Amino acid sequence: MAVQVSDKVFPMQIRHERPQDAATIYALTEAAFTGMPFSDQTEARVIDGLRAAGALTLSLVAEEGGDILGHVAFSPVTINGEAGDWYGLGPVSVWPDRQRAGVGQALIREGLRQLQALDAGGCVLLGAPAYYRRFGFEHDPGLYETTGAPPSAFQHLTLSGVRPSGEVRFHPAFDV
């Protein structure tokens, strides 16, 4: 199955994580974030924590020829202390030698499509505004988080209904 991202077609498939993928996802995530100035190098442990807590709403891998190229996680968030139908995107990881080739973009688009199919209200993330704008994410000070990241890095995408306002908290697995 080929995956199309804008005008490019990739000979990869995107599927849900399988139990035997966990070690590869860990290594992939560590490799993807090594040396990144915005990373505290906890992303692989965050995914393991989400998995252990049963909080990976979506855990998708991009695969080509039996090899995993990338991974994206989506997990529930709370807004003003209440659970609902909003989710956090991330981490998203691609092997360093496959970055900037559309793998991450394809994973994010498919994950957002699957969130819509789950009747999600929306999705939030911490990330580079210039990158995530292409998916429709935007910053709005009425929806915020308090981890100390630059406020503009916290972005949202409303998938259905009205965008809530208030404080967003990611799953406790992010507190590693």
N, C-alpha and C. Protein backbone atom coordinates (compact mmCIF):
# COMPACT_ATOMS: atom_id res chain seq x y z
N MET A 1 0.84 -1.18 0.00
CA MET A 1 0.00 0.00 0.00
C MET A 1 0.89 1.24 0.00
N ALA A 2 0.59 2.17 -0.82
CA ALA A 2 1.35 3.41 -0.88
C ALA A 2 0.63 4.49 -0.08
N VAL A 3 1.41 5.39 0.50
CA VAL A 3 0.87 6.50 1.26
C VAL A 3 1.18 7.78 0.50
N GLN A 4 0.16 8.62 0.30
CA GLN A 4 0.37 9.88 -0.42
C GLN A 4 0.44 11.03 0.57
N VAL A 5 1.48 11.85 0.42
CA VAL A 5 1.66 13.07 1.20
C VAL A 5 1.85 14.18 0.19
N SER A 6 0.92 15.11 0.14
CA SER A 6 0.86 16.18 -0.86
C SER A 6 0.99 15.55 -2.24
N ASP A 7 2.01 15.89 -3.01
CA ASP A 7 2.13 15.35 -4.36
C ASP A 7 3.08 14.16 -4.44
N LYS A 8 3.56 13.66 -3.29
CA LYS A 8 4.48 12.53 -3.27
C LYS A 8 3.76 11.26 -2.84
N VAL A 9 4.16 10.13 -3.40
CA VAL A 9 3.62 8.83 -3.02
C VAL A 9 4.76 8.00 -2.47
N PHE A 10 4.54 7.41 -1.29
CA PHE A 10 5.57 6.62 -0.62
C PHE A 10 5.14 5.16 -0.55
N PRO A 11 6.07 4.23 -0.85
CA PRO A 11 5.72 2.81 -0.80
C PRO A 11 5.80 2.27 0.63
N MET A 12 5.05 2.86 1.52
CA MET A 12 5.04 2.41 2.91
C MET A 12 3.59 2.24 3.34
N GLN A 13 3.44 1.53 4.43
CA GLN A 13 2.11 1.40 5.02
C GLN A 13 2.16 1.96 6.43
N ILE A 14 1.02 2.42 6.89
CA ILE A 14 0.90 2.89 8.26
C ILE A 14 -0.07 1.95 8.95
N ARG A 15 0.37 1.45 10.08
CA ARG A 15 -0.44 0.48 10.83
C ARG A 15 -0.32 0.75 12.32
N HIS A 16 -1.18 0.09 13.08
CA HIS A 16 -1.12 0.20 14.53
C HIS A 16 0.08 -0.58 15.06
N GLU A 17 0.64 -0.08 16.12
CA GLU A 17 1.75 -0.76 16.80
C GLU A 17 1.32 -2.16 17.19
N ARG A 18 2.28 -3.09 17.12
CA ARG A 18 2.10 -4.45 17.60
C ARG A 18 3.01 -4.64 18.81
N PRO A 19 2.70 -5.58 19.70
CA PRO A 19 3.54 -5.76 20.89
C PRO A 19 5.03 -5.94 20.56
N GLN A 20 5.33 -6.65 19.49
CA GLN A 20 6.74 -6.90 19.14
C GLN A 20 7.45 -5.66 18.60
N ASP A 21 6.73 -4.56 18.40
CA ASP A 21 7.33 -3.31 17.89
C ASP A 21 7.93 -2.45 19.00
N ALA A 22 7.63 -2.73 20.25
CA ALA A 22 7.99 -1.83 21.35
C ALA A 22 9.48 -1.52 21.40
N ALA A 23 10.34 -2.51 21.29
CA ALA A 23 11.79 -2.27 21.37
C ALA A 23 12.28 -1.42 20.21
N THR A 24 11.76 -1.66 19.02
CA THR A 24 12.16 -0.86 17.86
C THR A 24 11.68 0.57 18.01
N ILE A 25 10.45 0.75 18.50
CA ILE A 25 9.93 2.10 18.71
C ILE A 25 10.79 2.85 19.73
N TYR A 26 11.22 2.16 20.78
CA TYR A 26 12.08 2.79 21.79
C TYR A 26 13.38 3.26 21.15
N ALA A 27 14.05 2.36 20.42
CA ALA A 27 15.33 2.70 19.79
C ALA A 27 15.16 3.81 18.75
N LEU A 28 14.11 3.73 17.97
CA LEU A 28 13.81 4.74 16.95
C LEU A 28 13.61 6.10 17.60
N THR A 29 12.84 6.15 18.67
CA THR A 29 12.54 7.41 19.34
C THR A 29 13.80 8.00 19.96
N GLU A 30 14.62 7.17 20.58
CA GLU A 30 15.89 7.67 21.12
C GLU A 30 16.76 8.25 20.00
N ALA A 31 16.88 7.53 18.91
CA ALA A 31 17.71 8.00 17.79
C ALA A 31 17.17 9.30 17.20
N ALA A 32 15.86 9.40 17.06
CA ALA A 32 15.25 10.58 16.43
C ALA A 32 15.48 11.84 17.25
N PHE A 33 15.54 11.73 18.57
CA PHE A 33 15.65 12.91 19.43
C PHE A 33 17.07 13.18 19.93
N THR A 34 18.01 12.29 19.64
CA THR A 34 19.39 12.50 20.08
C THR A 34 19.94 13.79 19.49
N GLY A 35 20.47 14.63 20.37
CA GLY A 35 21.09 15.87 19.93
C GLY A 35 20.14 17.00 19.59
N MET A 36 18.84 16.77 19.74
CA MET A 36 17.87 17.83 19.44
C MET A 36 17.86 18.82 20.61
N PRO A 37 18.08 20.10 20.34
CA PRO A 37 18.20 21.08 21.44
C PRO A 37 16.92 21.27 22.25
N PHE A 38 15.78 20.95 21.70
CA PHE A 38 14.50 21.12 22.40
C PHE A 38 14.12 19.89 23.22
N SER A 39 14.92 18.82 23.13
CA SER A 39 14.58 17.55 23.77
C SER A 39 15.30 17.36 25.09
N ASP A 40 14.58 16.77 26.03
CA ASP A 40 15.22 16.39 27.29
C ASP A 40 15.56 14.90 27.31
N GLN A 41 15.47 14.26 26.15
CA GLN A 41 15.83 12.85 25.95
C GLN A 41 14.95 11.88 26.75
N THR A 42 13.71 12.25 27.02
CA THR A 42 12.80 11.37 27.75
C THR A 42 11.70 10.79 26.85
N GLU A 43 11.70 11.13 25.59
CA GLU A 43 10.58 10.77 24.71
C GLU A 43 10.32 9.26 24.64
N ALA A 44 11.37 8.45 24.57
CA ALA A 44 11.18 6.99 24.50
C ALA A 44 10.56 6.47 25.79
N ARG A 45 10.98 7.02 26.93
CA ARG A 45 10.40 6.61 28.21
C ARG A 45 8.94 7.07 28.33
N VAL A 46 8.63 8.22 27.75
CA VAL A 46 7.24 8.69 27.75
C VAL A 46 6.35 7.68 27.03
N ILE A 47 6.77 7.23 25.87
CA ILE A 47 5.98 6.25 25.11
C ILE A 47 5.81 4.97 25.91
N ASP A 48 6.89 4.48 26.53
CA ASP A 48 6.78 3.27 27.35
C ASP A 48 5.82 3.49 28.51
N GLY A 49 5.87 4.68 29.11
CA GLY A 49 4.96 4.98 30.22
C GLY A 49 3.51 5.04 29.78
N LEU A 50 3.27 5.65 28.62
CA LEU A 50 1.91 5.68 28.08
C LEU A 50 1.42 4.26 27.79
N ARG A 51 2.29 3.45 27.20
CA ARG A 51 1.91 2.08 26.87
C ARG A 51 1.58 1.31 28.15
N ALA A 52 2.44 1.44 29.17
CA ALA A 52 2.24 0.72 30.44
C ALA A 52 0.95 1.15 31.13
N ALA A 53 0.58 2.41 30.97
CA ALA A 53 -0.64 2.93 31.60
C ALA A 53 -1.89 2.67 30.77
N GLY A 54 -1.73 2.06 29.60
CA GLY A 54 -2.88 1.85 28.71
C GLY A 54 -3.41 3.15 28.14
N ALA A 55 -2.51 4.14 28.00
CA ALA A 55 -2.93 5.48 27.58
C ALA A 55 -2.50 5.84 26.16
N LEU A 56 -2.12 4.86 25.37
CA LEU A 56 -1.81 5.13 23.97
C LEU A 56 -3.12 4.96 23.18
N THR A 57 -3.82 6.05 22.99
CA THR A 57 -5.06 6.00 22.23
C THR A 57 -4.77 5.52 20.81
N LEU A 58 -3.73 6.08 20.22
CA LEU A 58 -3.24 5.65 18.91
C LEU A 58 -1.72 5.55 18.99
N SER A 59 -1.18 4.46 18.52
CA SER A 59 0.26 4.28 18.41
C SER A 59 0.50 3.67 17.03
N LEU A 60 0.91 4.53 16.10
CA LEU A 60 1.03 4.14 14.70
C LEU A 60 2.48 4.08 14.26
N VAL A 61 2.78 3.12 13.41
CA VAL A 61 4.11 3.03 12.81
C VAL A 61 3.99 3.10 11.30
N ALA A 62 5.01 3.68 10.68
CA ALA A 62 5.15 3.65 9.23
C ALA A 62 6.14 2.54 8.94
N GLU A 63 5.79 1.70 8.01
CA GLU A 63 6.60 0.52 7.72
C GLU A 63 6.81 0.41 6.22
N GLU A 64 8.02 0.00 5.86
CA GLU A 64 8.35 -0.21 4.45
C GLU A 64 9.19 -1.47 4.36
N GLY A 65 8.74 -2.43 3.59
CA GLY A 65 9.50 -3.67 3.43
C GLY A 65 9.76 -4.39 4.74
N GLY A 66 8.84 -4.27 5.69
CA GLY A 66 8.99 -4.93 6.98
C GLY A 66 9.79 -4.14 8.00
N ASP A 67 10.35 -3.01 7.59
CA ASP A 67 11.14 -2.17 8.51
C ASP A 67 10.31 -0.98 8.97
N ILE A 68 10.36 -0.71 10.27
CA ILE A 68 9.67 0.45 10.81
C ILE A 68 10.52 1.69 10.54
N LEU A 69 9.90 2.69 9.93
CA LEU A 69 10.57 3.94 9.58
C LEU A 69 10.28 5.06 10.58
N GLY A 70 9.09 5.02 11.17
CA GLY A 70 8.68 6.10 12.06
C GLY A 70 7.54 5.68 12.95
N HIS A 71 7.25 6.53 13.94
CA HIS A 71 6.20 6.25 14.92
C HIS A 71 5.56 7.55 15.38
N VAL A 72 4.27 7.50 15.69
CA VAL A 72 3.58 8.63 16.30
C VAL A 72 2.65 8.10 17.39
N ALA A 73 2.57 8.87 18.48
CA ALA A 73 1.69 8.52 19.60
C ALA A 73 0.65 9.61 19.79
N PHE A 74 -0.55 9.21 20.16
CA PHE A 74 -1.62 10.10 20.55
C PHE A 74 -2.17 9.58 21.88
N SER A 75 -2.32 10.47 22.85
CA SER A 75 -2.79 10.05 24.17
C SER A 75 -3.77 11.09 24.71
N PRO A 76 -4.63 10.68 25.66
CA PRO A 76 -5.62 11.61 26.19
C PRO A 76 -4.99 12.74 26.99
N VAL A 77 -5.62 13.90 26.95
CA VAL A 77 -5.24 15.03 27.79
C VAL A 77 -6.45 15.41 28.63
N THR A 78 -6.20 16.18 29.67
CA THR A 78 -7.29 16.77 30.43
C THR A 78 -7.31 18.26 30.18
N ILE A 79 -8.47 18.84 30.26
CA ILE A 79 -8.63 20.29 30.13
C ILE A 79 -9.37 20.76 31.38
N ASN A 80 -8.73 21.66 32.11
CA ASN A 80 -9.26 22.13 33.39
C ASN A 80 -9.53 20.96 34.34
N GLY A 81 -8.64 19.95 34.29
CA GLY A 81 -8.73 18.81 35.18
C GLY A 81 -9.72 17.75 34.79
N GLU A 82 -10.38 17.91 33.67
CA GLU A 82 -11.40 16.94 33.26
C GLU A 82 -11.01 16.23 31.97
N ALA A 83 -11.23 14.91 31.99
CA ALA A 83 -10.99 14.12 30.79
C ALA A 83 -12.11 14.40 29.80
N GLY A 84 -11.82 14.23 28.55
CA GLY A 84 -12.83 14.48 27.52
C GLY A 84 -12.44 13.82 26.23
N ASP A 85 -12.66 14.54 25.15
CA ASP A 85 -12.41 13.96 23.83
C ASP A 85 -11.27 14.69 23.10
N TRP A 86 -10.32 15.21 23.86
CA TRP A 86 -9.15 15.86 23.29
C TRP A 86 -7.92 15.00 23.57
N TYR A 87 -6.95 15.06 22.64
CA TYR A 87 -5.78 14.20 22.71
C TYR A 87 -4.51 15.00 22.45
N GLY A 88 -3.41 14.47 22.96
CA GLY A 88 -2.11 15.05 22.71
C GLY A 88 -1.40 14.26 21.63
N LEU A 89 -0.76 14.97 20.72
CA LEU A 89 0.04 14.37 19.66
C LEU A 89 1.49 14.38 20.12
N GLY A 90 2.12 13.24 20.07
CA GLY A 90 3.55 13.18 20.33
C GLY A 90 3.90 12.16 21.39
N PRO A 91 5.11 11.75 21.35
CA PRO A 91 6.14 12.12 20.38
C PRO A 91 5.89 11.53 19.00
N VAL A 92 6.49 12.18 18.01
CA VAL A 92 6.53 11.66 16.64
C VAL A 92 8.01 11.51 16.30
N SER A 93 8.37 10.32 15.81
CA SER A 93 9.78 9.99 15.59
C SER A 93 9.98 9.32 14.24
N VAL A 94 11.07 9.68 13.59
CA VAL A 94 11.48 9.05 12.33
C VAL A 94 12.98 8.82 12.42
N TRP A 95 13.44 7.67 11.91
CA TRP A 95 14.88 7.41 11.92
C TRP A 95 15.60 8.60 11.29
N PRO A 96 16.73 9.03 11.85
CA PRO A 96 17.42 10.22 11.32
C PRO A 96 17.69 10.18 9.81
N ASP A 97 18.04 9.01 9.27
CA ASP A 97 18.34 8.94 7.84
C ASP A 97 17.09 8.96 6.96
N ARG A 98 15.90 8.95 7.57
CA ARG A 98 14.65 9.00 6.81
C ARG A 98 13.86 10.29 7.10
N GLN A 99 14.41 11.18 7.92
CA GLN A 99 13.73 12.42 8.23
C GLN A 99 13.70 13.33 7.02
N ARG A 100 12.73 14.22 7.01
CA ARG A 100 12.53 15.20 5.93
C ARG A 100 12.16 14.54 4.60
N ALA A 101 11.51 13.38 4.70
CA ALA A 101 11.10 12.68 3.48
C ALA A 101 9.59 12.41 3.47
N GLY A 102 8.85 12.97 4.43
CA GLY A 102 7.40 12.81 4.45
C GLY A 102 6.86 11.72 5.35
N VAL A 103 7.74 10.96 6.01
CA VAL A 103 7.28 9.87 6.87
C VAL A 103 6.50 10.42 8.06
N GLY A 104 7.07 11.39 8.76
CA GLY A 104 6.39 11.98 9.92
C GLY A 104 5.08 12.63 9.51
N GLN A 105 5.10 13.33 8.40
CA GLN A 105 3.89 14.00 7.91
C GLN A 105 2.79 12.97 7.63
N ALA A 106 3.15 11.85 7.02
CA ALA A 106 2.16 10.81 6.73
C ALA A 106 1.60 10.21 8.02
N LEU A 107 2.46 10.00 9.01
CA LEU A 107 2.00 9.46 10.29
C LEU A 107 1.04 10.42 10.98
N ILE A 108 1.38 11.70 10.99
CA ILE A 108 0.52 12.69 11.64
C ILE A 108 -0.82 12.78 10.94
N ARG A 109 -0.81 12.85 9.62
CA ARG A 109 -2.07 12.95 8.88
C ARG A 109 -2.97 11.73 9.13
N GLU A 110 -2.38 10.55 9.13
CA GLU A 110 -3.17 9.34 9.37
C GLU A 110 -3.68 9.32 10.81
N GLY A 111 -2.86 9.72 11.75
CA GLY A 111 -3.30 9.77 13.14
C GLY A 111 -4.46 10.74 13.33
N LEU A 112 -4.38 11.91 12.72
CA LEU A 112 -5.47 12.88 12.82
C LEU A 112 -6.73 12.35 12.16
N ARG A 113 -6.57 11.64 11.05
CA ARG A 113 -7.73 11.03 10.38
C ARG A 113 -8.39 10.01 11.31
N GLN A 114 -7.58 9.21 11.99
CA GLN A 114 -8.13 8.20 12.90
C GLN A 114 -8.76 8.84 14.14
N LEU A 115 -8.18 9.95 14.62
CA LEU A 115 -8.81 10.66 15.74
C LEU A 115 -10.19 11.17 15.34
N GLN A 116 -10.30 11.71 14.13
CA GLN A 116 -11.61 12.17 13.64
C GLN A 116 -12.61 11.02 13.61
N ALA A 117 -12.16 9.85 13.19
CA ALA A 117 -13.03 8.68 13.14
C ALA A 117 -13.48 8.25 14.54
N LEU A 118 -12.70 8.62 15.56
CA LEU A 118 -13.06 8.33 16.95
C LEU A 118 -13.94 9.44 17.55
N ASP A 119 -14.34 10.40 16.73
CA ASP A 119 -15.14 11.55 17.17
C ASP A 119 -14.41 12.40 18.19
N ALA A 120 -13.11 12.53 18.04
CA ALA A 120 -12.32 13.39 18.93
C ALA A 120 -12.71 14.84 18.72
N GLY A 121 -12.69 15.60 19.81
CA GLY A 121 -12.97 17.02 19.71
C GLY A 121 -11.78 17.79 19.18
N GLY A 122 -10.57 17.31 19.50
CA GLY A 122 -9.40 18.01 19.03
C GLY A 122 -8.11 17.38 19.51
N CYS A 123 -7.04 18.07 19.17
CA CYS A 123 -5.70 17.57 19.44
C CYS A 123 -4.81 18.75 19.80
N VAL A 124 -3.89 18.52 20.74
CA VAL A 124 -2.92 19.54 21.14
C VAL A 124 -1.52 18.96 21.02
N LEU A 125 -0.53 19.86 20.99
CA LEU A 125 0.86 19.41 20.93
C LEU A 125 1.79 20.53 21.35
N LEU A 126 3.00 20.15 21.65
CA LEU A 126 4.10 21.08 21.83
C LEU A 126 5.04 20.84 20.66
N GLY A 127 5.27 21.85 19.85
CA GLY A 127 6.13 21.65 18.68
C GLY A 127 6.35 22.94 17.92
N ALA A 128 7.11 22.82 16.85
CA ALA A 128 7.48 23.97 16.02
C ALA A 128 6.27 24.48 15.26
N PRO A 129 5.85 25.73 15.52
CA PRO A 129 4.67 26.26 14.84
C PRO A 129 4.76 26.20 13.31
N ALA A 130 5.91 26.48 12.76
CA ALA A 130 6.04 26.48 11.30
C ALA A 130 5.79 25.09 10.71
N TYR A 131 6.19 24.04 11.42
CA TYR A 131 5.97 22.69 10.93
C TYR A 131 4.50 22.27 11.08
N TYR A 132 3.93 22.48 12.25
CA TYR A 132 2.60 21.96 12.53
C TYR A 132 1.47 22.80 11.92
N ARG A 133 1.78 24.00 11.49
CA ARG A 133 0.77 24.84 10.82
C ARG A 133 0.23 24.13 9.58
N ARG A 134 1.05 23.35 8.90
CA ARG A 134 0.61 22.67 7.67
C ARG A 134 -0.52 21.67 7.92
N PHE A 135 -0.69 21.26 9.18
CA PHE A 135 -1.76 20.32 9.53
C PHE A 135 -2.99 21.05 10.07
N GLY A 136 -2.88 22.37 10.20
CA GLY A 136 -3.99 23.16 10.72
C GLY A 136 -3.86 23.56 12.18
N PHE A 137 -2.75 23.20 12.82
CA PHE A 137 -2.55 23.57 14.22
C PHE A 137 -2.26 25.05 14.33
N GLU A 138 -2.73 25.64 15.44
CA GLU A 138 -2.48 27.05 15.70
C GLU A 138 -2.39 27.28 17.20
N HIS A 139 -1.80 28.38 17.56
CA HIS A 139 -1.68 28.77 18.96
C HIS A 139 -2.83 29.69 19.32
N ASP A 140 -3.39 29.48 20.50
CA ASP A 140 -4.42 30.37 21.03
C ASP A 140 -4.19 30.44 22.54
N PRO A 141 -3.92 31.62 23.09
CA PRO A 141 -3.63 31.73 24.52
C PRO A 141 -4.78 31.29 25.42
N GLY A 142 -5.98 31.12 24.88
CA GLY A 142 -7.10 30.66 25.68
C GLY A 142 -7.02 29.18 26.03
N LEU A 143 -6.19 28.44 25.35
CA LEU A 143 -5.95 27.02 25.61
C LEU A 143 -4.45 26.91 25.85
N TYR A 144 -4.05 26.53 27.05
CA TYR A 144 -2.63 26.65 27.41
C TYR A 144 -2.18 25.47 28.27
N GLU A 145 -0.88 25.35 28.39
CA GLU A 145 -0.27 24.37 29.29
C GLU A 145 0.81 25.10 30.07
N THR A 146 1.29 24.48 31.16
CA THR A 146 2.19 25.20 32.07
C THR A 146 3.50 24.45 32.33
N THR A 147 4.03 23.79 31.31
CA THR A 147 5.29 23.05 31.50
C THR A 147 6.51 23.95 31.40
N GLY A 148 6.32 25.18 30.98
CA GLY A 148 7.46 26.09 30.82
C GLY A 148 7.96 26.19 29.39
N ALA A 149 7.34 25.48 28.48
CA ALA A 149 7.71 25.59 27.06
C ALA A 149 7.27 26.96 26.55
N PRO A 150 7.89 27.44 25.49
CA PRO A 150 7.44 28.72 24.92
C PRO A 150 5.95 28.63 24.58
N PRO A 151 5.15 29.62 24.97
CA PRO A 151 3.70 29.54 24.72
C PRO A 151 3.33 29.29 23.27
N SER A 152 4.07 29.86 22.32
CA SER A 152 3.73 29.67 20.91
C SER A 152 3.93 28.22 20.45
N ALA A 153 4.71 27.43 21.19
CA ALA A 153 4.93 26.03 20.83
C ALA A 153 3.73 25.16 21.17
N PHE A 154 2.86 25.64 22.06
CA PHE A 154 1.67 24.89 22.42
C PHE A 154 0.57 25.26 21.42
N GLN A 155 0.11 24.25 20.68
CA GLN A 155 -0.83 24.48 19.59
C GLN A 155 -1.99 23.51 19.67
N HIS A 156 -3.08 23.88 19.04
CA HIS A 156 -4.25 23.02 19.03
C HIS A 156 -4.84 22.93 17.62
N LEU A 157 -5.63 21.89 17.44
CA LEU A 157 -6.40 21.69 16.22
C LEU A 157 -7.77 21.18 16.65
N THR A 158 -8.80 21.95 16.38
CA THR A 158 -10.17 21.52 16.69
C THR A 158 -10.64 20.61 15.57
N LEU A 159 -11.09 19.41 15.94
CA LEU A 159 -11.57 18.44 14.96
C LEU A 159 -13.09 18.44 14.86
N SER A 160 -13.77 18.71 15.98
CA SER A 160 -15.23 18.80 15.97
C SER A 160 -15.68 19.61 17.18
N GLY A 161 -16.81 20.22 17.05
CA GLY A 161 -17.36 20.98 18.16
C GLY A 161 -16.64 22.30 18.37
N VAL A 162 -16.76 22.81 19.56
CA VAL A 162 -16.20 24.10 19.94
C VAL A 162 -14.88 23.89 20.68
N ARG A 163 -13.91 24.73 20.36
CA ARG A 163 -12.63 24.63 21.07
C ARG A 163 -12.84 25.05 22.51
N PRO A 164 -12.42 24.20 23.46
CA PRO A 164 -12.52 24.59 24.86
C PRO A 164 -11.46 25.62 25.21
N SER A 165 -11.54 26.15 26.40
CA SER A 165 -10.49 27.03 26.88
C SER A 165 -10.07 26.54 28.25
N GLY A 166 -8.85 26.88 28.63
CA GLY A 166 -8.36 26.50 29.94
C GLY A 166 -7.03 25.79 29.87
N GLU A 167 -6.66 25.21 31.00
CA GLU A 167 -5.35 24.56 31.13
C GLU A 167 -5.42 23.11 30.66
N VAL A 168 -4.50 22.77 29.77
CA VAL A 168 -4.38 21.41 29.26
C VAL A 168 -3.23 20.73 30.00
N ARG A 169 -3.47 19.49 30.38
CA ARG A 169 -2.40 18.68 30.98
C ARG A 169 -2.27 17.38 30.18
N PHE A 170 -1.03 17.09 29.85
CA PHE A 170 -0.73 15.83 29.20
C PHE A 170 -0.76 14.71 30.24
N HIS A 171 -0.81 13.48 29.78
CA HIS A 171 -0.83 12.31 30.67
C HIS A 171 0.38 12.35 31.61
N PRO A 172 0.24 11.86 32.84
CA PRO A 172 1.38 11.86 33.78
C PRO A 172 2.63 11.15 33.26
N ALA A 173 2.51 10.28 32.27
CA ALA A 173 3.70 9.63 31.71
C ALA A 173 4.68 10.63 31.14
N PHE A 174 4.21 11.84 30.80
CA PHE A 174 5.10 12.88 30.28
C PHE A 174 5.96 13.51 31.39
N ASP A 175 5.66 13.21 32.63
CA ASP A 175 6.39 13.81 33.76
C ASP A 175 7.61 12.99 34.17
N VAL A 176 8.25 12.32 33.23
CA VAL A 176 9.44 11.50 33.56
C VAL A 176 10.66 12.36 33.75
